[in-house]
Amino acid sequence: MDFKTEISALAAEAIKTAFPGAEIDAETAAGMLETPPDQAMGDYALPCFKLSKTLRKGPPMISDALAGHISAPFLDRVESVKGYLNFFVNRATYSEEVLEKALKMGESYGSGNDGEGKNIVIDYSSINIAKRFHIGHLSTTMIGNALYKMYKFLGYNVTGVNHLGDWGTQFGKMIAAYKRWGDRETVIKGGVDEMVKLYVRFNTEAKENPALDDEGRAWFKAIEDGNPEALEIFNWFKEVTLADANRVYDMLGVTFDSYAGESFYNDKMQPVIDELREKNLLVEDKGAQIVKLDDYNMPPAIILRSDGATLYATRDLAAALYRHNTYNFDKNLYVVAYQQDLHFKQIFKVMELLGWDWAKGCEHVNFGMVSFEGQTLSTREGRIVYLEDLLNQSIEKAEAIIEEKSPNLENKKEVAKTIGIGAVVFFALYNGRIKDIDFWWDRALNFEGETGPYVMYTHARSCSVLRKAGECLAAPDYSALNAPEAQAVVKLIDAFPETIRLALQRSEPSLITRFSVELAKAFNKFYYESRILDDDMSARRAKINLTIAAKTTIKTALGLIGIGAPERM
């Protein structure tokens, strides 16, 4: 039973009966229904203030009149309070409906076929070639990964794109440095770190010998022209970088369907440039080719520099067109930091001016910056935290905590890995994505408070309860769940499917992260206030069912944001 739908139908019918000639449909009534902030005020409430103008009566008179025309077996009572019509659902019926559905669906509870036949493209992580994966990439990677999982969970056809930063003069400089001072064996052994050393050496020596910059430009021109040697080294650099990055992706459980980066669009930009020209959108300005956006209070979008070189804007337009033609997307999401807000506003406006109607499906999912224990990150000043190092440190710290608190735990290393990585990811996804993140060890790894370890520990606690409960074959007596502590858990489980959909509507994974905390808090309160292993077997069965549903919902919520749920901690 969908209580909201049933109550909406009852309310619509009551309005028709109490006020002949007045009529609203059930869908309109559903849009008016609210969830009161306090259970004492009911499970659902219909504010009658909007009806006042239509019915020409005061809200209290309307709610009083409607209260006398509504009854149903699943409702304990209906109360009129100061213009609000409050509905109290029978607790046992409510618990049975919610929990039996959650138990039946198991780990697929909350999923759906909302996205059947719809295509979503998500551009996230987008690491740079020849640079190590650092903490600054954590937000884009995990926000994108969570959105990917949530869309999949609701039946969408999703394509995850790692739009690699693999184009520019710096790659010519790297080849020049490699040819002068590098060798294959050293780079294979040292990986990205060795490539960075070569690049730093090149830039240092170029200050004394500017001719080196010409050499770097020449090698980049060789890449552009398809020179076999230049391409072989360039593609090898990409392989080395991805091998390095894939260690981190494997730790995080993140995968992609496409690694088409900037270089992929090298031969796909000309048709876009031609179309801009044909539609008289390109204007010459100091030798550069631009699209003027003055009428939209934005600086111009530069398409070609004065030397004819393309820019990010050119590539992003080509990438959007390619994605539309290849994936026929309904939505094309760019999970990129808020510093690029203007860039995407410009790109989306140019698409609109081109008449690309499908561009309305493009969305910039922006997010804040990451700092570490009060320090802003700066490569130049040596304040950089590599993500692999951060994750390994977190695993070590988690292992030390387990050694102290649960020395006899089986699979300690595996559990420490789940907790350590989960703590980092949870911390990154806890606040609204637009907020800046300041990562602190003591906060992230705390087993109390609103943290990943706290939620994971709650999952492990519920597993422990179920192990102790053993088999209970009695029919559940759901009236045993009428207490407020139990009802709070039931209500949250009931809200989970809608929370997932709201999180996708807002492109906001933190709604799931915070939901998992609220459910963990509610379950822990129920655990302390209620004797789950009740002597009354029917009551015990109902409480076990609540525990199973809470455990499974917590596990699913954590899974949607890319975190594991240990059964023992």
Protein backbone atom coordinates (compact mmCIF):
# COMPACT_ATOMS: atom_id res chain seq x y z
CA MET A 1 0.00 0.00 0.00
CA ASP A 2 1.20 3.50 -0.89
CA PHE A 3 -0.17 5.45 2.07
CA LYS A 4 0.45 8.84 0.47
CA THR A 5 -1.52 7.85 -2.64
CA GLU A 6 -4.38 6.37 -0.57
CA ILE A 7 -4.61 9.42 1.70
CA SER A 8 -4.51 11.77 -1.30
CA ALA A 9 -7.47 9.94 -2.83
CA LEU A 10 -9.38 10.09 0.47
CA ALA A 11 -8.68 13.83 0.81
CA ALA A 12 -9.81 14.56 -2.77
CA GLU A 13 -13.03 12.61 -2.22
CA ALA A 14 -13.68 14.36 1.13
CA ILE A 15 -13.36 17.81 -0.48
CA LYS A 16 -15.92 16.81 -3.12
CA THR A 17 -18.29 15.49 -0.43
CA ALA A 18 -17.87 18.27 2.16
CA PHE A 19 -17.98 21.08 -0.38
CA PRO A 20 -20.30 20.16 -3.28
CA GLY A 21 -19.15 21.79 -6.49
CA ALA A 22 -15.55 22.08 -5.30
CA GLU A 23 -13.18 19.51 -6.68
CA ILE A 24 -9.45 18.74 -6.75
CA ASP A 25 -7.91 15.56 -8.09
CA ALA A 26 -5.87 13.09 -6.05
CA GLU A 27 -2.63 14.16 -7.75
CA THR A 28 -3.15 17.78 -6.65
CA ALA A 29 -3.93 16.59 -3.12
CA ALA A 30 -0.75 14.50 -3.13
CA GLY A 31 1.25 17.61 -4.01
CA MET A 32 -0.23 19.38 -0.98
CA LEU A 33 0.51 16.60 1.54
CA GLU A 34 3.36 17.17 3.97
CA THR A 35 5.26 15.03 6.45
CA PRO A 36 5.01 16.66 9.91
CA PRO A 37 8.30 17.29 11.71
CA ASP A 38 7.04 15.49 14.82
CA GLN A 39 5.29 12.09 14.93
CA ALA A 40 2.88 13.48 17.54
CA MET A 41 1.45 15.66 14.74
CA GLY A 42 0.65 12.66 12.54
CA ASP A 43 2.27 10.75 9.70
CA TYR A 44 0.88 12.98 6.95
CA ALA A 45 -0.71 16.43 7.03
CA LEU A 46 -2.88 18.32 4.57
CA PRO A 47 -2.47 22.12 5.05
CA CYS A 48 -5.81 23.68 4.12
CA PHE A 49 -4.51 27.23 3.57
CA LYS A 50 -4.29 26.91 -0.23
CA LEU A 51 -7.90 25.70 -0.30
CA SER A 52 -9.10 28.76 1.60
CA LYS A 53 -9.29 31.04 -1.43
CA THR A 54 -11.10 28.48 -3.61
CA LEU A 55 -13.59 27.39 -0.93
CA ARG A 56 -13.95 30.89 0.57
CA LYS A 57 -13.65 29.61 4.12
CA GLY A 58 -11.00 29.81 6.80
CA PRO A 59 -8.43 26.96 6.91
CA PRO A 60 -9.62 25.70 10.37
CA MET A 61 -13.23 25.49 9.09
CA ILE A 62 -12.08 23.53 6.05
CA SER A 63 -9.96 21.06 8.02
CA ASP A 64 -12.79 20.59 10.58
CA ALA A 65 -15.27 19.83 7.79
CA LEU A 66 -12.95 17.39 6.01
CA ALA A 67 -12.08 15.48 9.20
CA GLY A 68 -15.66 14.22 9.46
CA HIS A 69 -15.61 12.74 5.97
CA ILE A 70 -12.43 10.67 6.14
CA SER A 71 -12.01 7.17 7.52
CA ALA A 72 -10.17 4.04 6.40
CA PRO A 73 -9.12 0.73 8.03
CA PHE A 74 -5.45 1.72 7.83
CA LEU A 75 -6.04 5.04 9.65
CA ASP A 76 -6.14 5.17 13.44
CA ARG A 77 -7.58 8.68 13.40
CA VAL A 78 -7.75 11.99 11.54
CA GLU A 79 -7.40 15.25 13.48
CA SER A 80 -8.10 18.87 12.56
CA VAL A 81 -5.59 21.22 14.20
CA LYS A 82 -5.42 24.95 13.31
CA GLY A 83 -6.04 24.50 9.60
CA TYR A 84 -4.06 21.28 9.27
CA LEU A 85 -5.71 17.91 8.64
CA ASN A 86 -3.44 15.38 10.35
CA PHE A 87 -3.55 11.69 9.41
CA PHE A 88 -2.42 9.00 11.85
CA VAL A 89 -1.72 5.68 10.12
CA ASN A 90 -2.24 2.52 12.14
CA ARG A 91 1.26 1.73 13.40
CA ALA A 92 1.07 -2.04 12.96
CA THR A 93 -0.36 -1.75 9.44
CA TYR A 94 2.27 0.82 8.52
CA SER A 95 5.14 -1.29 9.88
CA GLU A 96 3.88 -4.38 8.09
CA GLU A 97 3.48 -2.63 4.75
CA VAL A 98 6.93 -0.98 4.83
CA LEU A 99 8.93 -3.86 6.27
CA GLU A 100 7.38 -6.66 4.24
CA LYS A 101 8.13 -4.71 1.06
CA ALA A 102 11.72 -4.02 2.17
CA LEU A 103 12.24 -7.67 3.14
CA LYS A 104 10.79 -8.92 -0.13
CA MET A 105 13.01 -6.65 -2.26
CA GLY A 106 16.13 -7.15 -0.14
CA GLU A 107 19.16 -5.29 -1.48
CA SER A 108 17.15 -4.05 -4.46
CA TYR A 109 14.77 -2.13 -2.13
CA GLY A 110 14.55 1.44 -3.38
CA SER A 111 15.47 0.49 -6.94
CA GLY A 112 13.16 0.92 -9.89
CA ASN A 113 12.74 1.11 -13.64
CA ASP A 114 12.39 4.92 -13.64
CA GLY A 115 15.19 5.18 -16.19
CA GLU A 116 14.08 2.48 -18.61
CA GLY A 117 15.05 3.55 -22.13
CA LYS A 118 16.88 6.67 -20.89
CA ASN A 119 20.60 7.33 -21.36
CA ILE A 120 22.87 9.18 -18.95
CA VAL A 121 26.49 10.23 -19.60
CA ILE A 122 28.59 11.21 -16.56
CA ASP A 123 31.98 12.89 -17.04
CA TYR A 124 33.95 12.51 -13.80
CA SER A 125 37.44 12.11 -12.31
CA SER A 126 39.16 13.33 -15.52
CA ILE A 127 42.73 12.90 -14.30
CA ASN A 128 45.74 14.43 -16.03
CA ILE A 129 48.25 12.26 -17.84
CA ALA A 130 51.76 12.19 -16.34
CA LYS A 131 50.49 13.49 -12.98
CA ARG A 132 49.70 11.49 -9.87
CA PHE A 133 46.18 11.07 -8.59
CA HIS A 134 45.88 13.50 -5.65
CA ILE A 135 43.25 14.30 -3.03
CA GLY A 136 41.88 17.11 -5.20
CA HIS A 137 40.46 14.41 -7.52
CA LEU A 138 38.56 12.73 -4.67
CA SER A 139 35.34 14.77 -4.93
CA THR A 140 34.85 14.51 -8.68
CA THR A 141 35.67 10.80 -8.64
CA MET A 142 33.36 9.84 -5.77
CA ILE A 143 30.47 12.21 -6.62
CA GLY A 144 30.53 10.88 -10.18
CA ASN A 145 30.78 7.29 -8.99
CA ALA A 146 27.82 7.73 -6.61
CA LEU A 147 25.66 9.30 -9.33
CA TYR A 148 26.65 6.47 -11.69
CA LYS A 149 25.55 3.85 -9.13
CA MET A 150 22.30 5.64 -8.29
CA TYR A 151 21.26 6.05 -11.92
CA LYS A 152 22.04 2.37 -12.54
CA PHE A 153 20.00 1.45 -9.46
CA LEU A 154 16.97 3.17 -10.98
CA GLY A 155 17.33 1.40 -14.31
CA TYR A 156 19.03 4.06 -16.43
CA ASN A 157 21.56 3.15 -19.12
CA VAL A 158 24.67 4.93 -17.81
CA THR A 159 28.02 5.68 -19.46
CA GLY A 160 30.86 6.80 -17.20
CA VAL A 161 33.50 8.90 -18.98
CA ASN A 162 36.99 9.66 -17.69
CA HIS A 163 37.76 12.71 -19.85
CA LEU A 164 41.55 12.44 -19.59
CA GLY A 165 43.65 15.60 -19.58
CA ASP A 166 45.97 14.36 -22.32
CA TRP A 167 46.58 17.30 -24.65
CA GLY A 168 48.83 20.33 -24.69
CA THR A 169 52.41 21.52 -25.12
CA GLN A 170 53.42 19.98 -21.81
CA PHE A 171 53.37 16.55 -23.46
CA GLY A 172 55.82 17.73 -26.09
CA LYS A 173 58.06 18.96 -23.27
CA MET A 174 57.79 15.59 -21.54
CA ILE A 175 58.85 13.75 -24.68
CA ALA A 176 61.76 16.15 -25.13
CA ALA A 177 62.80 15.54 -21.50
CA TYR A 178 62.47 11.77 -21.91
CA LYS A 179 64.56 11.79 -25.11
CA ARG A 180 67.28 13.84 -23.41
CA TRP A 181 67.50 12.33 -19.92
CA GLY A 182 65.09 9.42 -19.55
CA ASP A 183 65.06 5.72 -20.33
CA ARG A 184 62.24 3.21 -20.56
CA GLU A 185 63.34 1.00 -17.68
CA THR A 186 63.61 3.91 -15.20
CA VAL A 187 60.18 5.24 -16.17
CA ILE A 188 58.59 1.78 -15.89
CA LYS A 189 60.14 1.37 -12.45
CA GLY A 190 59.40 4.91 -11.22
CA GLY A 191 56.04 5.33 -12.96
CA VAL A 192 54.38 8.73 -12.86
CA ASP A 193 56.83 10.00 -10.21
CA GLU A 194 59.70 9.52 -12.67
CA MET A 195 57.76 11.29 -15.43
CA VAL A 196 57.11 14.23 -13.09
CA LYS A 197 60.84 14.41 -12.28
CA LEU A 198 61.65 14.62 -15.99
CA TYR A 199 59.07 17.37 -16.50
CA VAL A 200 60.34 19.39 -13.53
CA ARG A 201 63.93 19.04 -14.80
CA PHE A 202 62.86 20.22 -18.25
CA ASN A 203 61.19 23.36 -16.88
CA THR A 204 64.15 24.11 -14.61
CA GLU A 205 66.70 23.80 -17.41
CA ALA A 206 64.47 25.69 -19.87
CA LYS A 207 64.88 28.79 -17.70
CA GLU A 208 68.60 28.72 -18.53
CA ASN A 209 68.16 27.37 -22.04
CA PRO A 210 64.96 28.77 -23.68
CA ALA A 211 65.68 26.74 -26.82
CA LEU A 212 64.35 23.73 -24.93
CA ASP A 213 60.85 25.22 -25.10
CA ASP A 214 61.10 25.24 -28.90
CA GLU A 215 62.13 21.60 -28.72
CA GLY A 216 59.05 20.84 -26.57
CA ARG A 217 56.76 22.65 -29.00
CA ALA A 218 58.28 20.74 -31.89
CA TRP A 219 57.55 17.40 -30.21
CA PHE A 220 53.97 18.45 -29.48
CA LYS A 221 53.60 19.42 -33.17
CA ALA A 222 54.89 15.93 -33.96
CA ILE A 223 52.10 14.46 -31.80
CA GLU A 224 49.52 16.63 -33.60
CA ASP A 225 50.90 15.57 -36.98
CA GLY A 226 50.76 11.87 -36.08
CA ASN A 227 54.53 11.25 -36.00
CA PRO A 228 54.87 7.51 -35.15
CA GLU A 229 57.69 7.94 -32.59
CA ALA A 230 55.96 10.86 -30.86
CA LEU A 231 52.65 8.98 -30.71
CA GLU A 232 54.33 5.80 -29.42
CA ILE A 233 55.95 7.66 -26.49
CA PHE A 234 52.82 9.75 -25.87
CA ASN A 235 50.53 6.69 -25.74
CA TRP A 236 53.00 4.87 -23.52
CA PHE A 237 52.96 7.80 -21.07
CA LYS A 238 49.17 7.40 -20.96
CA GLU A 239 49.46 3.66 -20.25
CA VAL A 240 51.92 4.30 -17.39
CA THR A 241 49.64 6.98 -15.90
CA LEU A 242 46.52 4.83 -16.12
CA ALA A 243 48.31 1.86 -14.57
CA ASP A 244 49.23 4.15 -11.66
CA ALA A 245 45.69 5.60 -11.42
CA ASN A 246 44.02 2.19 -11.73
CA ARG A 247 45.59 1.11 -8.45
CA VAL A 248 43.65 3.93 -6.81
CA TYR A 249 40.48 3.28 -8.81
CA ASP A 250 40.64 -0.39 -7.77
CA MET A 251 40.95 0.62 -4.11
CA LEU A 252 37.92 2.91 -4.49
CA GLY A 253 35.93 0.41 -6.57
CA VAL A 254 35.52 2.96 -9.36
CA THR A 255 35.26 1.99 -13.04
CA PHE A 256 34.65 3.80 -16.32
CA ASP A 257 33.08 2.87 -19.64
CA SER A 258 35.19 5.33 -21.66
CA TYR A 259 38.60 6.97 -21.33
CA ALA A 260 38.07 9.30 -24.29
CA GLY A 261 40.06 12.38 -23.27
CA GLU A 262 41.04 15.64 -24.89
CA SER A 263 43.27 14.05 -27.54
CA PHE A 264 40.37 11.86 -28.69
CA TYR A 265 38.63 14.96 -30.06
CA ASN A 266 41.61 16.22 -32.04
CA ASP A 267 39.97 15.24 -35.35
CA LYS A 268 36.40 16.02 -34.23
CA MET A 269 36.57 19.78 -33.69
CA GLN A 270 36.57 21.01 -37.28
CA PRO A 271 32.88 20.21 -37.94
CA VAL A 272 31.95 22.25 -34.84
CA ILE A 273 34.15 25.17 -35.97
CA ASP A 274 32.58 24.96 -39.44
CA GLU A 275 29.05 24.99 -37.99
CA LEU A 276 29.86 28.01 -35.80
CA ARG A 277 31.16 29.78 -38.88
CA GLU A 278 28.17 28.79 -41.05
CA LYS A 279 25.77 30.16 -38.43
CA ASN A 280 27.72 33.44 -38.24
CA LEU A 281 28.59 32.90 -34.59
CA LEU A 282 32.37 33.17 -35.00
CA VAL A 283 33.84 36.65 -34.79
CA GLU A 284 37.51 37.60 -35.20
CA ASP A 285 39.01 39.47 -32.24
CA LYS A 286 42.74 40.31 -32.26
CA GLY A 287 43.36 37.34 -34.53
CA ALA A 288 41.40 34.91 -32.33
CA GLN A 289 38.05 33.39 -33.28
CA ILE A 290 35.43 33.94 -30.58
CA VAL A 291 31.71 33.64 -29.90
CA LYS A 292 30.51 36.92 -28.36
CA LEU A 293 28.35 36.48 -25.27
CA ASP A 294 28.02 40.12 -24.17
CA ASP A 295 24.22 39.92 -24.47
CA TYR A 296 24.26 37.21 -21.78
CA ASN A 297 26.59 39.07 -19.37
CA MET A 298 29.48 36.71 -20.07
CA PRO A 299 32.93 37.18 -21.58
CA PRO A 300 33.42 35.69 -25.06
CA ALA A 301 33.99 31.97 -25.58
CA ILE A 302 37.36 31.66 -27.33
CA ILE A 303 37.19 28.90 -29.95
CA LEU A 304 40.54 29.41 -31.74
CA ARG A 305 43.57 31.32 -30.48
CA SER A 306 45.34 33.77 -32.76
CA ASP A 307 47.84 31.01 -33.69
CA GLY A 308 44.95 28.74 -34.70
CA ALA A 309 45.23 26.47 -31.66
CA THR A 310 42.07 25.05 -30.13
CA LEU A 311 41.10 25.45 -26.47
CA TYR A 312 39.07 23.63 -23.80
CA ALA A 313 35.90 25.24 -25.15
CA THR A 314 36.49 23.83 -28.64
CA ARG A 315 37.11 20.36 -27.27
CA ASP A 316 34.16 20.42 -24.90
CA LEU A 317 31.81 21.41 -27.73
CA ALA A 318 33.18 18.58 -29.88
CA ALA A 319 32.91 16.16 -26.93
CA ALA A 320 29.27 17.12 -26.27
CA LEU A 321 28.36 16.62 -29.94
CA TYR A 322 30.17 13.27 -30.01
CA ARG A 323 28.40 12.10 -26.84
CA HIS A 324 25.03 13.13 -28.22
CA ASN A 325 25.65 11.30 -31.50
CA THR A 326 27.14 8.22 -29.81
CA TYR A 327 25.01 7.79 -26.68
CA ASN A 328 21.87 9.79 -27.52
CA PHE A 329 21.86 11.03 -23.96
CA ASP A 330 18.92 12.39 -22.00
CA LYS A 331 21.40 13.90 -19.54
CA ASN A 332 25.09 14.71 -19.94
CA LEU A 333 26.61 15.53 -16.54
CA TYR A 334 29.99 17.20 -15.96
CA VAL A 335 31.28 16.59 -12.41
CA VAL A 336 33.81 19.44 -12.33
CA ALA A 337 34.86 21.93 -9.60
CA TYR A 338 33.00 25.23 -9.22
CA GLN A 339 35.99 27.19 -10.59
CA GLN A 340 34.71 26.09 -14.00
CA ASP A 341 31.19 27.51 -13.49
CA LEU A 342 31.74 30.29 -16.04
CA HIS A 343 33.33 27.91 -18.57
CA PHE A 344 30.29 25.63 -18.58
CA LYS A 345 27.82 28.53 -18.68
CA GLN A 346 29.64 29.74 -21.80
CA ILE A 347 29.72 26.28 -23.38
CA PHE A 348 26.04 25.62 -22.73
CA LYS A 349 25.12 29.06 -24.12
CA VAL A 350 27.15 28.42 -27.30
CA MET A 351 25.34 25.07 -27.71
CA GLU A 352 22.02 26.89 -27.36
CA LEU A 353 23.06 29.49 -29.95
CA LEU A 354 24.01 26.65 -32.30
CA GLY A 355 20.45 25.38 -32.01
CA TRP A 356 21.44 22.09 -30.38
CA ASP A 357 18.11 21.39 -28.65
CA TRP A 358 19.53 18.34 -26.89
CA ALA A 359 21.98 20.62 -25.03
CA LYS A 360 19.28 21.28 -22.41
CA GLY A 361 20.25 17.87 -21.04
CA CYS A 362 23.78 19.10 -20.24
CA GLU A 363 24.39 19.91 -16.59
CA HIS A 364 27.43 21.10 -14.63
CA VAL A 365 27.56 19.23 -11.31
CA ASN A 366 29.94 21.53 -9.45
CA PHE A 367 31.64 21.00 -6.11
CA GLY A 368 33.90 22.76 -3.62
CA MET A 369 37.63 22.51 -3.02
CA VAL A 370 39.54 20.11 -0.79
CA SER A 371 42.06 21.08 1.88
CA PHE A 372 43.92 18.84 4.33
CA GLU A 373 43.91 19.53 8.08
CA GLY A 374 43.53 23.28 7.62
CA GLN A 375 46.08 23.58 4.80
CA THR A 376 45.13 24.51 1.26
CA LEU A 377 46.79 22.25 -1.30
CA SER A 378 49.51 23.67 -3.54
CA THR A 379 51.75 21.66 -5.86
CA ARG A 380 54.20 24.56 -6.21
CA GLU A 381 54.58 24.90 -2.45
CA GLY A 382 54.88 21.17 -1.93
CA ARG A 383 51.54 20.86 -0.11
CA ILE A 384 50.04 18.00 -2.05
CA VAL A 385 48.44 14.85 -0.68
CA TYR A 386 48.42 11.90 -3.08
CA LEU A 387 45.21 9.92 -2.88
CA GLU A 388 46.88 6.51 -2.82
CA ASP A 389 49.01 7.61 0.15
CA LEU A 390 45.93 9.02 1.90
CA LEU A 391 43.96 5.79 1.44
CA ASN A 392 46.86 3.62 2.61
CA GLN A 393 47.34 5.81 5.70
CA SER A 394 43.63 5.59 6.46
CA ILE A 395 43.74 1.79 6.17
CA GLU A 396 46.74 1.67 8.53
CA LYS A 397 44.98 3.89 11.07
CA ALA A 398 41.83 1.76 10.84
CA GLU A 399 43.94 -1.37 11.36
CA ALA A 400 45.51 0.16 14.50
CA ILE A 401 42.03 0.97 15.89
CA ILE A 402 40.83 -2.59 15.20
CA GLU A 403 43.97 -4.01 16.84
CA GLU A 404 43.18 -1.98 19.92
CA LYS A 405 39.41 -2.58 20.11
CA SER A 406 38.88 -5.98 18.42
CA PRO A 407 42.22 -7.82 18.37
CA ASN A 408 40.56 -11.20 17.72
CA LEU A 409 38.54 -10.02 14.71
CA GLU A 410 38.74 -12.29 11.66
CA ASN A 411 39.95 -10.81 8.35
CA LYS A 412 41.33 -7.74 10.14
CA LYS A 413 43.19 -6.46 7.09
CA GLU A 414 40.16 -6.76 4.82
CA VAL A 415 37.90 -5.03 7.36
CA ALA A 416 40.51 -2.30 7.94
CA LYS A 417 40.63 -1.69 4.17
CA THR A 418 36.83 -1.35 3.99
CA ILE A 419 36.73 0.99 7.01
CA GLY A 420 39.78 3.05 6.01
CA ILE A 421 38.69 3.66 2.42
CA GLY A 422 35.03 4.04 3.43
CA ALA A 423 35.94 6.68 6.03
CA VAL A 424 37.69 8.82 3.39
CA VAL A 425 34.87 8.48 0.84
CA PHE A 426 32.15 9.12 3.45
CA PHE A 427 33.94 12.27 4.65
CA ALA A 428 34.15 13.54 1.08
CA LEU A 429 30.44 12.93 0.41
CA TYR A 430 28.93 13.97 3.74
CA ASN A 431 28.39 17.70 3.15
CA GLY A 432 26.56 19.27 0.22
CA ARG A 433 28.87 19.01 -2.78
CA ILE A 434 29.26 22.77 -3.24
CA LYS A 435 30.83 23.11 0.22
CA ASP A 436 34.61 23.04 0.57
CA ILE A 437 36.05 19.99 2.36
CA ASP A 438 38.75 20.16 5.04
CA PHE A 439 39.92 16.59 5.64
CA TRP A 440 40.90 15.72 9.24
CA TRP A 441 41.93 12.23 10.35
CA ASP A 442 40.35 12.35 13.81
CA ARG A 443 36.99 13.36 12.35
CA ALA A 444 36.94 10.93 9.43
CA LEU A 445 37.94 7.86 11.46
CA ASN A 446 35.78 8.57 14.51
CA PHE A 447 33.53 5.63 15.43
CA GLU A 448 31.05 8.03 17.02
CA GLY A 449 29.20 10.90 15.42
CA GLU A 450 28.26 11.41 11.80
CA THR A 451 31.03 9.38 10.15
CA GLY A 452 31.50 6.41 7.88
CA PRO A 453 32.90 4.13 10.63
CA TYR A 454 29.86 4.94 12.82
CA VAL A 455 27.42 3.88 10.07
CA MET A 456 29.52 0.80 9.21
CA TYR A 457 29.66 -0.15 12.90
CA THR A 458 25.85 0.12 13.10
CA HIS A 459 25.59 -2.30 10.17
CA ALA A 460 27.97 -4.70 11.93
CA ARG A 461 25.93 -4.33 15.15
CA SER A 462 22.70 -5.28 13.36
CA CYS A 463 24.47 -8.33 11.86
CA SER A 464 25.57 -9.31 15.36
CA VAL A 465 21.98 -9.05 16.63
CA LEU A 466 20.77 -11.30 13.83
CA ARG A 467 23.49 -13.88 14.51
CA LYS A 468 22.40 -14.02 18.17
CA ALA A 469 18.72 -14.17 17.23
CA GLY A 470 19.10 -17.39 15.31
CA GLU A 471 15.97 -18.84 13.74
CA CYS A 472 12.56 -17.51 14.72
CA LEU A 473 9.61 -19.03 12.84
CA ALA A 474 6.79 -17.21 14.63
CA ALA A 475 4.45 -14.94 12.66
CA PRO A 476 5.40 -11.30 13.29
CA ASP A 477 3.23 -9.17 15.55
CA TYR A 478 3.87 -5.72 14.11
CA SER A 479 2.06 -4.00 16.98
CA ALA A 480 5.32 -4.71 18.88
CA LEU A 481 6.79 -1.89 16.78
CA ASN A 482 4.34 0.81 17.90
CA ALA A 483 6.92 2.54 20.13
CA PRO A 484 8.33 5.85 18.77
CA GLU A 485 11.89 4.42 18.54
CA ALA A 486 10.77 1.60 16.26
CA GLN A 487 8.49 3.85 14.22
CA ALA A 488 11.38 6.27 13.58
CA VAL A 489 13.32 3.41 11.96
CA VAL A 490 10.30 2.29 9.91
CA LYS A 491 9.70 5.84 8.68
CA LEU A 492 13.29 6.20 7.49
CA ILE A 493 13.20 2.86 5.68
CA ASP A 494 9.96 4.01 4.05
CA ALA A 495 11.64 7.27 2.96
CA PHE A 496 14.66 5.57 1.34
CA PRO A 497 13.28 5.15 -2.23
CA GLU A 498 12.18 8.80 -2.34
CA THR A 499 15.53 9.93 -0.92
CA ILE A 500 17.39 8.23 -3.78
CA ARG A 501 15.23 9.98 -6.35
CA LEU A 502 15.63 13.34 -4.66
CA ALA A 503 19.41 12.84 -4.55
CA LEU A 504 19.44 12.27 -8.31
CA GLN A 505 17.09 15.16 -8.97
CA ARG A 506 19.59 17.44 -7.19
CA SER A 507 22.73 15.54 -8.26
CA GLU A 508 23.49 15.46 -4.53
CA PRO A 509 24.94 12.17 -3.14
CA SER A 510 25.22 13.77 0.32
CA LEU A 511 21.47 13.17 0.74
CA ILE A 512 22.21 9.43 0.75
CA THR A 513 25.24 9.85 3.02
CA ARG A 514 23.22 11.82 5.56
CA PHE A 515 20.30 9.43 5.25
CA SER A 516 22.60 6.55 6.25
CA VAL A 517 23.62 8.51 9.37
CA GLU A 518 20.01 9.22 10.33
CA LEU A 519 19.04 5.57 9.87
CA ALA A 520 22.07 4.44 11.90
CA LYS A 521 21.15 6.86 14.70
CA ALA A 522 17.52 5.73 14.69
CA PHE A 523 18.45 2.05 14.72
CA ASN A 524 20.91 2.54 17.58
CA LYS A 525 18.24 4.31 19.61
CA PHE A 526 15.84 1.43 18.91
CA TYR A 527 18.60 -1.04 19.86
CA TYR A 528 19.14 0.63 23.25
CA GLU A 529 15.47 1.32 24.04
CA SER A 530 13.92 -1.95 22.88
CA ARG A 531 14.65 -5.56 23.76
CA ILE A 532 15.01 -7.03 20.26
CA LEU A 533 15.33 -10.67 21.43
CA ASP A 534 11.93 -10.48 23.10
CA ASP A 535 10.59 -13.51 25.01
CA ASP A 536 7.36 -13.14 23.04
CA MET A 537 8.31 -14.89 19.77
CA SER A 538 5.84 -12.94 17.61
CA ALA A 539 7.19 -9.65 18.95
CA ARG A 540 10.75 -10.95 18.47
CA ARG A 541 9.98 -11.82 14.84
CA ALA A 542 8.70 -8.29 14.17
CA LYS A 543 11.81 -6.74 15.75
CA ILE A 544 14.08 -9.11 13.82
CA ASN A 545 12.29 -8.08 10.60
CA LEU A 546 12.91 -4.43 11.48
CA THR A 547 16.59 -5.20 12.13
CA ILE A 548 16.98 -7.05 8.81
CA ALA A 549 15.33 -4.20 6.88
CA ALA A 550 17.45 -1.56 8.63
CA LYS A 551 20.66 -3.54 8.08
CA THR A 552 19.92 -4.09 4.38
CA THR A 553 18.90 -0.46 3.80
CA ILE A 554 22.10 0.80 5.47
CA LYS A 555 24.17 -1.56 3.31
CA THR A 556 22.39 -0.44 0.14
CA ALA A 557 22.77 3.25 1.03
CA LEU A 558 26.50 2.82 1.69
CA GLY A 559 26.86 0.83 -1.54
CA LEU A 560 25.25 3.62 -3.56
CA ILE A 561 27.94 6.06 -2.41
CA GLY A 562 30.71 3.53 -3.03
CA ILE A 563 31.32 2.17 0.48
CA GLY A 564 31.39 -1.39 1.80
CA ALA A 565 29.51 -2.62 4.89
CA PRO A 566 31.48 -5.06 7.09
CA GLU A 567 29.47 -7.69 8.98
CA ARG A 568 31.93 -7.75 11.87
CA MET A 569 34.00 -4.89 13.30
